[in-house]
N, C-alpha and C. Protein backbone atom coordinates (compact mmCIF):
# COMPACT_ATOMS: atom_id res chain seq x y z
N MET A 1 4.40 5.66 16.08
CA MET A 1 4.60 5.58 14.68
C MET A 1 3.38 6.21 13.97
N LYS A 2 2.29 6.01 14.34
CA LYS A 2 1.09 6.49 13.69
C LYS A 2 1.04 7.94 13.81
N LYS A 3 1.28 8.54 15.11
CA LYS A 3 1.25 9.94 15.15
C LYS A 3 2.52 10.50 14.43
N ILE A 4 3.49 9.95 14.30
CA ILE A 4 4.66 10.55 13.50
C ILE A 4 4.20 10.66 11.92
N LEU A 5 3.50 9.48 11.53
CA LEU A 5 3.39 9.56 10.20
C LEU A 5 2.32 10.44 9.64
N LEU A 6 1.15 10.49 10.54
CA LEU A 6 0.05 11.78 10.47
C LEU A 6 0.66 13.11 10.64
N SER A 7 1.94 13.28 11.47
CA SER A 7 2.21 14.56 11.74
C SER A 7 3.22 14.90 10.49
N VAL A 8 3.91 14.06 9.79
CA VAL A 8 4.86 14.36 8.62
C VAL A 8 3.79 14.68 7.48
N THR A 9 2.59 13.93 7.48
CA THR A 9 1.72 14.08 6.44
C THR A 9 0.97 15.63 6.37
N ALA A 10 0.68 15.94 7.74
CA ALA A 10 0.04 17.22 7.66
C ALA A 10 1.09 18.41 7.57
N LEU A 11 2.33 17.99 8.01
CA LEU A 11 3.45 19.12 7.41
C LEU A 11 3.59 19.21 6.28
N LEU A 12 3.73 18.18 5.45
CA LEU A 12 3.74 18.03 3.86
C LEU A 12 2.54 18.72 3.15
N ALA A 13 1.51 18.39 3.87
CA ALA A 13 0.31 19.04 3.05
C ALA A 13 0.45 20.43 2.99
N PHE A 14 0.76 21.20 4.35
CA PHE A 14 1.05 22.33 4.76
C PHE A 14 2.13 23.00 3.70
N ASN A 15 3.15 22.26 3.77
CA ASN A 15 4.28 22.78 2.63
C ASN A 15 3.97 22.87 1.27
N MET A 16 3.14 21.84 0.78
CA MET A 16 2.60 21.70 -0.50
C MET A 16 1.90 22.81 -0.97
N ALA A 17 0.88 23.03 -0.03
CA ALA A 17 0.18 24.34 -0.24
C ALA A 17 0.86 25.63 -0.67
N GLN A 18 1.93 25.63 -0.02
CA GLN A 18 2.74 26.93 -0.35
C GLN A 18 3.75 26.86 -1.54
N ALA A 19 4.15 25.48 -1.84
CA ALA A 19 5.03 25.29 -2.79
C ALA A 19 4.56 25.89 -4.29
N GLN A 20 5.49 26.19 -4.98
CA GLN A 20 5.25 26.38 -6.45
C GLN A 20 5.16 25.28 -7.21
N ASP A 21 6.05 24.31 -7.08
CA ASP A 21 6.11 23.08 -7.85
C ASP A 21 5.34 22.00 -7.21
N PHE A 22 4.27 21.79 -7.28
CA PHE A 22 3.32 20.79 -6.59
C PHE A 22 2.46 20.33 -7.64
N ARG A 23 2.67 18.93 -7.67
CA ARG A 23 1.84 18.02 -8.61
C ARG A 23 0.67 17.20 -7.82
N ILE A 24 -0.47 17.39 -8.13
CA ILE A 24 -1.50 16.61 -7.72
C ILE A 24 -2.39 15.53 -8.90
N GLY A 25 -2.81 14.44 -8.52
CA GLY A 25 -3.67 13.71 -9.48
C GLY A 25 -4.06 12.18 -8.98
N PRO A 26 -4.85 11.84 -9.73
CA PRO A 26 -5.40 10.33 -9.46
C PRO A 26 -4.25 9.23 -9.75
N LYS A 27 -4.47 8.20 -9.09
CA LYS A 27 -3.49 7.14 -9.19
C LYS A 27 -4.51 5.76 -9.14
N PHE A 28 -4.14 4.73 -9.76
CA PHE A 28 -4.83 3.42 -9.82
C PHE A 28 -4.07 2.42 -10.49
N GLY A 29 -4.27 1.20 -9.90
CA GLY A 29 -3.49 0.14 -10.46
C GLY A 29 -3.79 -1.24 -9.93
N LEU A 30 -3.09 -2.25 -10.31
CA LEU A 30 -3.23 -3.65 -9.94
C LEU A 30 -2.35 -3.99 -8.73
N ASN A 31 -2.82 -5.06 -7.78
CA ASN A 31 -2.05 -5.22 -6.67
C ASN A 31 -1.88 -6.85 -6.77
N TYR A 32 -0.76 -7.29 -6.55
CA TYR A 32 -0.45 -8.76 -6.34
C TYR A 32 0.06 -9.00 -4.87
N ALA A 33 -1.11 -9.35 -4.15
CA ALA A 33 -0.79 -9.41 -2.56
C ALA A 33 -0.97 -10.89 -2.02
N ASN A 34 -0.18 -10.94 -0.79
CA ASN A 34 0.01 -12.37 -0.16
C ASN A 34 0.12 -11.76 1.20
N ILE A 35 0.23 -12.93 2.24
CA ILE A 35 0.49 -12.49 3.51
C ILE A 35 1.49 -13.52 3.83
N ARG A 36 2.76 -13.04 4.39
CA ARG A 36 3.99 -13.62 4.95
C ARG A 36 3.71 -14.43 6.31
N SER A 37 3.42 -15.70 6.21
CA SER A 37 3.11 -16.42 7.40
C SER A 37 4.05 -17.85 7.61
N GLU A 38 4.03 -18.29 8.73
CA GLU A 38 4.14 -19.58 9.01
C GLU A 38 3.14 -20.30 9.71
N PRO A 39 2.31 -21.43 9.15
CA PRO A 39 2.72 -22.11 7.87
C PRO A 39 2.39 -21.01 6.75
N LYS A 40 3.16 -21.19 5.67
CA LYS A 40 2.90 -20.19 4.32
C LYS A 40 1.54 -20.24 3.84
N THR A 41 1.22 -19.20 3.31
CA THR A 41 -0.30 -19.39 2.72
C THR A 41 -0.31 -19.84 1.31
N ASP A 42 -1.46 -20.26 0.70
CA ASP A 42 -1.50 -20.93 -0.36
C ASP A 42 -1.44 -20.36 -1.77
N GLY A 43 -1.15 -18.92 -1.54
CA GLY A 43 -1.02 -18.17 -2.94
C GLY A 43 -1.57 -16.74 -2.85
N ALA A 44 -1.09 -16.03 -3.72
CA ALA A 44 -1.54 -14.52 -3.85
C ALA A 44 -2.96 -14.37 -4.18
N ILE A 45 -3.18 -13.18 -4.23
CA ILE A 45 -4.73 -12.76 -4.83
C ILE A 45 -4.42 -11.31 -5.56
N ILE A 46 -4.99 -11.15 -6.62
CA ILE A 46 -5.09 -10.01 -7.27
C ILE A 46 -5.99 -9.16 -6.78
N GLY A 47 -5.78 -7.82 -6.60
CA GLY A 47 -6.43 -6.80 -6.23
C GLY A 47 -6.42 -5.35 -6.97
N TYR A 48 -6.65 -4.42 -6.28
CA TYR A 48 -6.30 -3.18 -6.95
C TYR A 48 -6.29 -2.11 -5.85
N ASN A 49 -5.65 -0.84 -6.22
CA ASN A 49 -5.60 0.26 -5.62
C ASN A 49 -5.86 1.42 -6.44
N VAL A 50 -6.58 2.54 -5.58
CA VAL A 50 -7.09 3.63 -6.22
C VAL A 50 -7.14 4.73 -5.33
N GLY A 51 -6.78 6.02 -5.75
CA GLY A 51 -6.60 7.04 -4.94
C GLY A 51 -5.96 8.25 -5.48
N ALA A 52 -5.46 9.21 -4.60
CA ALA A 52 -4.89 10.46 -4.92
C ALA A 52 -3.51 10.65 -4.53
N ILE A 53 -2.54 11.42 -5.19
CA ILE A 53 -1.25 11.63 -5.02
C ILE A 53 -1.25 13.10 -4.85
N GLY A 54 0.15 13.71 -4.32
CA GLY A 54 0.68 14.94 -4.13
C GLY A 54 1.98 14.82 -4.15
N GLU A 55 2.85 15.43 -4.91
CA GLU A 55 4.25 15.39 -5.01
C GLU A 55 4.64 17.03 -5.16
N LEU A 56 5.70 16.99 -4.02
CA LEU A 56 6.44 18.30 -3.79
C LEU A 56 7.66 18.27 -4.49
N VAL A 57 7.92 18.60 -5.38
CA VAL A 57 9.12 18.92 -6.29
C VAL A 57 10.44 19.80 -5.35
N LEU A 58 11.03 19.13 -4.97
CA LEU A 58 11.99 20.15 -3.92
C LEU A 58 13.42 20.56 -4.95
N SER A 59 13.73 19.65 -5.79
CA SER A 59 14.82 20.07 -6.77
C SER A 59 14.67 19.18 -8.18
N GLU A 60 15.67 19.34 -9.07
CA GLU A 60 15.57 18.57 -10.08
C GLU A 60 15.64 17.12 -9.97
N THR A 61 16.28 16.84 -8.80
CA THR A 61 16.57 15.25 -8.45
C THR A 61 15.81 14.71 -7.22
N PHE A 62 15.27 15.70 -6.53
CA PHE A 62 14.35 14.94 -5.26
C PHE A 62 13.01 15.59 -5.24
N SER A 63 12.15 14.65 -4.72
CA SER A 63 10.87 15.11 -4.26
C SER A 63 10.40 14.09 -3.34
N ILE A 64 9.01 14.61 -2.58
CA ILE A 64 8.47 13.88 -1.85
C ILE A 64 6.86 13.73 -2.14
N GLN A 65 6.45 12.66 -2.16
CA GLN A 65 5.39 12.20 -2.71
C GLN A 65 4.51 11.74 -1.57
N THR A 66 3.20 11.95 -1.36
CA THR A 66 2.33 11.18 -0.45
C THR A 66 1.31 10.98 -0.90
N GLU A 67 0.51 9.87 -0.46
CA GLU A 67 -0.59 9.52 -1.27
C GLU A 67 -1.80 8.80 -0.33
N ILE A 68 -3.11 8.90 -0.80
CA ILE A 68 -4.20 8.44 -0.16
C ILE A 68 -4.69 7.27 -0.93
N LEU A 69 -4.57 6.17 -0.52
CA LEU A 69 -4.97 5.02 -1.45
C LEU A 69 -5.92 4.13 -0.82
N TYR A 70 -6.93 3.60 -1.30
CA TYR A 70 -7.73 2.38 -1.13
C TYR A 70 -7.08 1.29 -1.70
N SER A 71 -6.73 0.12 -1.15
CA SER A 71 -6.07 -0.92 -1.44
C SER A 71 -6.80 -2.07 -1.13
N THR A 72 -6.91 -3.28 -2.12
CA THR A 72 -7.36 -4.61 -1.79
C THR A 72 -6.29 -5.38 -1.60
N GLN A 73 -6.29 -6.21 -0.30
CA GLN A 73 -4.95 -6.92 -0.53
C GLN A 73 -5.28 -8.28 0.20
N GLY A 74 -4.76 -9.31 0.54
CA GLY A 74 -5.18 -10.39 1.39
C GLY A 74 -4.19 -11.66 0.96
N ALA A 75 -4.89 -12.91 0.93
CA ALA A 75 -4.16 -14.11 0.29
C ALA A 75 -5.06 -15.30 0.16
N LYS A 76 -4.67 -16.27 -0.46
CA LYS A 76 -5.41 -17.67 -0.57
C LYS A 76 -4.86 -18.60 0.70
N LEU A 77 -5.72 -19.14 1.32
CA LEU A 77 -5.22 -20.02 2.44
C LEU A 77 -5.78 -21.40 2.04
N ALA A 78 -4.74 -22.56 2.77
CA ALA A 78 -5.35 -23.87 2.48
C ALA A 78 -5.17 -24.50 3.85
N ASP A 79 -6.23 -25.58 4.38
CA ASP A 79 -6.04 -26.21 5.53
C ASP A 79 -6.96 -27.44 5.36
N GLY A 80 -6.02 -28.40 4.89
CA GLY A 80 -6.72 -29.76 4.57
C GLY A 80 -7.53 -29.64 3.26
N ASP A 81 -8.72 -29.78 3.24
CA ASP A 81 -9.79 -29.62 2.13
C ASP A 81 -10.19 -28.33 2.02
N THR A 82 -10.17 -27.63 3.23
CA THR A 82 -10.65 -26.33 3.22
C THR A 82 -9.72 -25.20 2.41
N ARG A 83 -10.34 -24.44 1.41
CA ARG A 83 -9.58 -23.44 0.70
C ARG A 83 -10.11 -22.16 1.00
N SER A 84 -9.71 -21.14 1.29
CA SER A 84 -10.32 -19.77 1.64
C SER A 84 -9.36 -18.80 0.86
N GLU A 85 -10.25 -17.52 0.76
CA GLU A 85 -9.53 -16.46 0.33
C GLU A 85 -9.66 -15.13 1.35
N ILE A 86 -8.79 -14.65 1.80
CA ILE A 86 -8.74 -13.69 2.93
C ILE A 86 -8.80 -12.45 2.02
N ALA A 87 -9.81 -11.20 2.13
CA ALA A 87 -9.79 -10.07 1.71
C ALA A 87 -9.54 -9.14 2.76
N LEU A 88 -8.55 -8.47 2.65
CA LEU A 88 -8.13 -7.27 3.72
C LEU A 88 -8.14 -5.89 2.80
N ASN A 89 -9.12 -4.89 3.17
CA ASN A 89 -9.12 -3.64 2.52
C ASN A 89 -8.65 -2.54 3.37
N TYR A 90 -7.81 -2.02 2.87
CA TYR A 90 -7.00 -0.76 3.82
C TYR A 90 -7.02 0.48 3.02
N LEU A 91 -7.04 1.59 3.84
CA LEU A 91 -6.79 3.11 3.45
C LEU A 91 -5.30 3.02 3.64
N ASN A 92 -4.59 3.16 2.69
CA ASN A 92 -3.14 3.24 2.75
C ASN A 92 -2.77 4.89 2.74
N ILE A 93 -1.62 5.33 3.68
CA ILE A 93 -0.98 6.49 3.39
C ILE A 93 0.57 6.34 3.30
N PRO A 94 1.14 6.24 2.04
CA PRO A 94 2.31 6.16 1.88
C PRO A 94 2.97 7.31 1.80
N ILE A 95 4.39 7.55 2.23
CA ILE A 95 5.07 8.96 2.05
C ILE A 95 6.37 8.47 1.44
N MET A 96 6.55 8.92 0.22
CA MET A 96 7.90 8.47 -0.77
C MET A 96 8.54 9.44 -0.92
N PHE A 97 9.79 8.97 -0.72
CA PHE A 97 11.16 10.04 -0.93
C PHE A 97 11.44 9.64 -2.24
N LYS A 98 11.50 10.30 -3.26
CA LYS A 98 12.06 10.01 -4.66
C LYS A 98 13.30 10.78 -5.03
N TYR A 99 14.02 9.82 -6.03
CA TYR A 99 15.16 10.57 -6.30
C TYR A 99 15.17 10.41 -7.82
N TYR A 100 15.19 11.35 -8.72
CA TYR A 100 15.17 11.47 -10.12
C TYR A 100 16.57 11.08 -10.79
N ILE A 101 16.92 10.02 -11.33
CA ILE A 101 18.04 9.53 -11.95
C ILE A 101 18.38 10.06 -13.20
N LYS A 102 17.35 10.21 -14.15
CA LYS A 102 17.50 10.86 -15.43
C LYS A 102 16.06 10.92 -15.96
N ASP A 103 16.11 12.18 -16.43
CA ASP A 103 14.53 12.86 -17.11
C ASP A 103 13.45 12.45 -16.17
N GLY A 104 12.51 11.69 -16.52
CA GLY A 104 11.48 11.20 -15.56
C GLY A 104 11.69 9.84 -14.82
N LEU A 105 12.83 9.20 -15.08
CA LEU A 105 13.13 8.06 -14.30
C LEU A 105 13.35 8.32 -12.65
N ASN A 106 12.59 7.63 -11.93
CA ASN A 106 13.21 7.90 -10.36
C ASN A 106 12.79 6.60 -9.66
N ILE A 107 13.52 6.48 -8.56
CA ILE A 107 13.58 5.45 -7.61
C ILE A 107 12.71 6.14 -6.36
N GLU A 108 11.98 5.15 -5.58
CA GLU A 108 11.32 5.99 -4.43
C GLU A 108 11.48 4.94 -3.33
N ALA A 109 11.18 5.43 -2.29
CA ALA A 109 11.38 4.49 -0.90
C ALA A 109 10.51 5.28 0.18
N GLY A 110 10.01 4.49 0.96
CA GLY A 110 9.54 5.17 2.24
C GLY A 110 8.34 4.41 3.06
N PRO A 111 7.96 5.05 4.12
CA PRO A 111 7.06 4.37 5.08
C PRO A 111 5.72 4.21 4.33
N GLN A 112 4.83 3.55 5.15
CA GLN A 112 3.36 3.37 4.85
C GLN A 112 2.49 3.19 6.02
N TYR A 113 1.71 3.77 6.31
CA TYR A 113 0.43 3.43 7.25
C TYR A 113 -0.68 3.03 6.71
N GLY A 114 -1.14 1.94 7.15
CA GLY A 114 -2.40 1.44 6.53
C GLY A 114 -3.45 1.30 7.73
N ARG A 115 -4.58 1.65 7.26
CA ARG A 115 -5.72 1.59 8.43
C ARG A 115 -6.67 0.62 7.69
N LEU A 116 -7.14 -0.61 8.45
CA LEU A 116 -7.69 -1.59 7.82
C LEU A 116 -9.23 -1.04 8.06
N LEU A 117 -10.01 -1.31 6.82
CA LEU A 117 -11.29 -0.75 6.62
C LEU A 117 -12.36 -2.11 6.93
N SER A 118 -11.94 -3.22 6.31
CA SER A 118 -12.84 -4.37 6.19
C SER A 118 -12.14 -5.71 5.93
N VAL A 119 -12.77 -6.70 6.53
CA VAL A 119 -12.23 -7.99 6.45
C VAL A 119 -13.14 -9.10 5.99
N GLU A 120 -12.77 -9.93 4.97
CA GLU A 120 -13.97 -10.97 4.89
C GLU A 120 -12.94 -12.21 4.39
N SER A 121 -13.65 -13.22 4.52
CA SER A 121 -13.07 -14.56 4.32
C SER A 121 -14.19 -15.58 3.45
N ASP A 122 -13.73 -15.75 2.60
CA ASP A 122 -14.67 -16.84 1.73
C ASP A 122 -14.00 -18.34 1.59
N ASP A 123 -14.74 -19.29 1.99
CA ASP A 123 -13.93 -20.56 1.79
C ASP A 123 -15.01 -21.57 1.13
N ASN A 124 -14.52 -22.69 0.71
CA ASN A 124 -15.23 -23.53 -0.10
C ASN A 124 -16.18 -24.42 0.80
N MET A 125 -16.21 -24.34 2.37
CA MET A 125 -17.02 -25.05 3.05
C MET A 125 -18.18 -24.35 3.70
N THR A 126 -17.83 -23.04 4.24
CA THR A 126 -18.78 -22.05 5.00
C THR A 126 -19.36 -21.20 3.93
N GLY A 127 -18.35 -20.60 3.29
CA GLY A 127 -18.93 -19.54 2.16
C GLY A 127 -18.29 -18.21 2.88
N LEU A 128 -19.12 -17.14 2.82
CA LEU A 128 -18.43 -15.59 3.05
C LEU A 128 -18.68 -15.41 4.52
N PHE A 129 -17.82 -15.23 5.29
CA PHE A 129 -18.02 -14.69 6.73
C PHE A 129 -16.96 -13.70 7.25
N ASP A 130 -17.37 -13.05 8.20
CA ASP A 130 -16.62 -11.92 8.97
C ASP A 130 -15.45 -12.68 9.65
N VAL A 131 -14.35 -12.16 9.57
CA VAL A 131 -13.23 -12.32 10.54
C VAL A 131 -12.45 -11.15 10.95
N TRP A 132 -13.00 -10.05 11.26
CA TRP A 132 -12.47 -8.69 11.48
C TRP A 132 -11.81 -8.86 12.86
N ASP A 133 -12.03 -9.55 13.63
CA ASP A 133 -11.52 -9.69 15.16
C ASP A 133 -10.20 -10.60 15.12
N SER A 134 -9.83 -11.14 13.76
CA SER A 134 -8.54 -11.76 13.79
C SER A 134 -7.39 -11.08 13.41
N TYR A 135 -7.63 -9.73 12.81
CA TYR A 135 -6.81 -8.91 12.23
C TYR A 135 -6.70 -7.62 13.00
N LYS A 136 -5.47 -7.01 12.95
CA LYS A 136 -5.17 -5.88 13.70
C LYS A 136 -5.56 -4.68 13.05
N ASP A 137 -6.32 -3.56 13.41
CA ASP A 137 -6.82 -2.46 12.68
C ASP A 137 -5.56 -1.63 11.96
N SER A 138 -4.52 -1.87 12.04
CA SER A 138 -3.52 -0.89 11.39
C SER A 138 -2.27 -1.82 11.10
N ASP A 139 -1.51 -1.33 10.10
CA ASP A 139 -0.35 -2.00 9.50
C ASP A 139 0.76 -0.85 9.23
N ILE A 140 1.83 -1.08 9.73
CA ILE A 140 3.09 -0.22 9.01
C ILE A 140 3.78 -1.23 8.13
N SER A 141 4.11 -0.44 6.86
CA SER A 141 5.07 -1.11 6.06
C SER A 141 6.02 -0.37 5.40
N PHE A 142 7.03 -1.06 4.65
CA PHE A 142 7.96 -0.20 4.05
C PHE A 142 7.82 -0.40 2.63
N ASN A 143 8.26 0.72 1.77
CA ASN A 143 7.59 0.76 0.12
C ASN A 143 9.04 1.03 -0.51
N ALA A 144 9.31 0.30 -1.68
CA ALA A 144 10.11 0.71 -2.53
C ALA A 144 9.94 0.45 -3.89
N GLY A 145 10.27 1.34 -4.61
CA GLY A 145 9.83 1.24 -6.20
C GLY A 145 10.48 1.99 -7.37
N VAL A 146 10.03 1.97 -8.31
CA VAL A 146 10.55 2.75 -9.45
C VAL A 146 9.51 3.20 -10.36
N GLU A 147 9.60 4.55 -10.78
CA GLU A 147 8.34 5.34 -11.45
C GLU A 147 9.06 5.98 -12.75
N TYR A 148 8.42 6.24 -13.86
CA TYR A 148 8.68 7.11 -15.12
C TYR A 148 7.59 7.88 -14.90
N TYR A 149 8.07 9.34 -15.04
CA TYR A 149 7.26 10.45 -15.09
C TYR A 149 7.11 11.15 -16.49
N PHE A 150 5.98 10.97 -17.23
CA PHE A 150 6.24 11.83 -18.63
C PHE A 150 5.89 13.24 -18.37
N GLU A 151 6.65 14.11 -19.34
CA GLU A 151 6.28 15.62 -18.92
C GLU A 151 4.98 15.82 -19.11
N TRP A 152 4.35 15.24 -19.99
CA TRP A 152 2.93 15.78 -20.13
C TRP A 152 1.89 15.40 -19.05
N GLY A 153 2.54 14.71 -18.04
CA GLY A 153 1.75 14.39 -16.84
C GLY A 153 1.52 13.01 -16.50
N MET A 154 1.52 12.03 -17.30
CA MET A 154 1.01 10.63 -16.83
C MET A 154 2.33 9.99 -16.47
N PHE A 155 2.21 9.09 -15.36
CA PHE A 155 3.25 8.22 -14.73
C PHE A 155 2.93 6.61 -14.84
N VAL A 156 3.96 5.92 -14.72
CA VAL A 156 3.58 4.40 -14.79
C VAL A 156 4.82 4.11 -13.72
N GLN A 157 4.20 3.34 -12.65
CA GLN A 157 5.01 2.91 -11.35
C GLN A 157 5.21 1.24 -11.02
N ALA A 158 5.88 1.10 -10.69
CA ALA A 158 6.03 -0.39 -10.07
C ALA A 158 6.64 -0.35 -8.53
N ARG A 159 5.91 -0.91 -7.66
CA ARG A 159 6.47 -0.62 -6.31
C ARG A 159 6.09 -2.19 -5.50
N TYR A 160 6.85 -2.30 -4.46
CA TYR A 160 6.77 -3.31 -3.59
C TYR A 160 6.69 -2.91 -2.16
N SER A 161 5.59 -3.50 -1.46
CA SER A 161 5.38 -2.92 -0.10
C SER A 161 5.76 -4.20 0.78
N VAL A 162 6.60 -4.13 1.72
CA VAL A 162 6.55 -5.14 2.86
C VAL A 162 6.18 -4.88 4.21
N GLY A 163 5.47 -5.65 4.87
CA GLY A 163 4.77 -5.17 6.05
C GLY A 163 5.86 -5.39 7.11
N LEU A 164 5.86 -4.52 7.77
CA LEU A 164 6.76 -4.59 9.19
C LEU A 164 6.02 -4.86 10.64
N THR A 165 4.82 -4.77 10.54
CA THR A 165 4.23 -5.06 11.74
C THR A 165 3.12 -6.32 11.40
N ASP A 166 3.10 -7.11 12.45
CA ASP A 166 2.32 -8.23 12.37
C ASP A 166 0.85 -7.96 12.68
N ILE A 167 -0.05 -8.29 11.43
CA ILE A 167 -1.36 -7.95 11.58
C ILE A 167 -2.41 -9.16 12.17
N ASN A 168 -1.91 -10.18 12.76
CA ASN A 168 -2.47 -11.09 13.23
C ASN A 168 -2.96 -10.76 14.58
N ASP A 169 -4.51 -10.83 14.95
CA ASP A 169 -4.91 -10.37 16.27
C ASP A 169 -5.77 -11.59 16.55
N SER A 170 -5.81 -12.90 16.13
CA SER A 170 -6.35 -13.79 16.86
C SER A 170 -5.91 -14.58 17.93
N GLU A 171 -6.81 -14.98 18.90
CA GLU A 171 -6.18 -15.85 20.04
C GLU A 171 -6.22 -17.23 19.58
N LEU A 172 -6.67 -17.89 18.57
CA LEU A 172 -6.73 -19.02 18.21
C LEU A 172 -5.28 -19.37 17.59
N PHE A 173 -4.90 -18.61 16.80
CA PHE A 173 -3.67 -18.67 16.03
C PHE A 173 -2.59 -17.74 16.40
N GLU A 174 -1.45 -18.19 16.66
CA GLU A 174 -0.26 -17.37 17.42
C GLU A 174 0.63 -17.00 16.51
N ASN A 175 0.53 -17.50 15.18
CA ASN A 175 1.53 -17.08 13.88
C ASN A 175 1.49 -15.78 13.58
N GLU A 176 2.69 -15.20 13.40
CA GLU A 176 2.71 -13.73 12.95
C GLU A 176 2.24 -13.70 11.39
N LYS A 177 1.61 -12.50 10.92
CA LYS A 177 1.12 -12.61 9.51
C LYS A 177 1.60 -11.04 9.06
N TYR A 178 2.16 -11.10 7.96
CA TYR A 178 2.60 -9.71 7.45
C TYR A 178 2.33 -9.54 6.01
N ASN A 179 1.67 -8.47 5.91
CA ASN A 179 1.26 -8.06 4.26
C ASN A 179 2.55 -7.87 3.45
N ASN A 180 2.62 -8.47 2.20
CA ASN A 180 3.44 -8.12 1.22
C ASN A 180 2.50 -7.87 -0.10
N VAL A 181 2.84 -6.83 -0.71
CA VAL A 181 2.09 -6.29 -1.96
C VAL A 181 3.02 -5.80 -2.91
N PHE A 182 2.82 -6.38 -4.10
CA PHE A 182 3.68 -6.02 -5.21
C PHE A 182 2.46 -5.22 -6.18
N SER A 183 2.77 -4.02 -6.71
CA SER A 183 1.69 -2.87 -7.32
C SER A 183 2.35 -2.46 -8.56
N LEU A 184 1.42 -2.60 -9.65
CA LEU A 184 1.77 -1.72 -11.00
C LEU A 184 0.64 -0.78 -10.90
N SER A 185 1.08 0.63 -11.12
CA SER A 185 0.00 1.63 -11.19
C SER A 185 0.31 2.41 -12.29
N VAL A 186 -0.65 3.40 -12.68
CA VAL A 186 -0.59 4.55 -13.77
C VAL A 186 -1.28 5.59 -13.06
N GLY A 187 -1.16 6.90 -13.47
CA GLY A 187 -1.83 8.00 -12.94
C GLY A 187 -1.56 9.12 -13.62
N LEU A 188 -1.88 10.24 -13.18
CA LEU A 188 -1.82 11.69 -13.74
C LEU A 188 -1.06 12.51 -12.62
N LYS A 189 -0.25 13.41 -12.89
CA LYS A 189 0.24 14.46 -12.14
C LYS A 189 0.18 15.91 -12.72
N LEU A 190 -1.00 16.54 -12.22
CA LEU A 190 -1.11 17.76 -12.98
C LEU A 190 -0.76 19.05 -12.36
């Protein structure tokens, strides 16, 4: 799956370089992130995403957008008296297929590959510590959302990302864990 996503990204980049209606720009936003697992986590954390986008406009109603985003994700955990917060930092590469409904309003959906960059856990008993070996180094998700693009270049976007691959790599805990992230973002397409 990783090779397919990277191949599609490379193909899109090549086509975008030759396209006449291609928009690029920065993007940043807030994440409301949690980890889906049993037992359930104790709550979501607020994070952020920042990066760059490239949108290839294929017609008045259809386009393909690829992004490279640094994204902070994770969850709050509780085990008895111990309360902790797990911070997962990813380099995410979503490929979004967009359908423009009316004017600048569009719906979007597509896969996302995430590469884990760092992991930290901070709890009320032992403090900050590294739990890198407890998480897999990659994640595949499916994204869906809505965006409004203003003709002068700004866009606002709401997106939900549901994890498709188990990110747990701990030998101590066998429960499956999946990333879930709701994000609100703004940016420019030039």
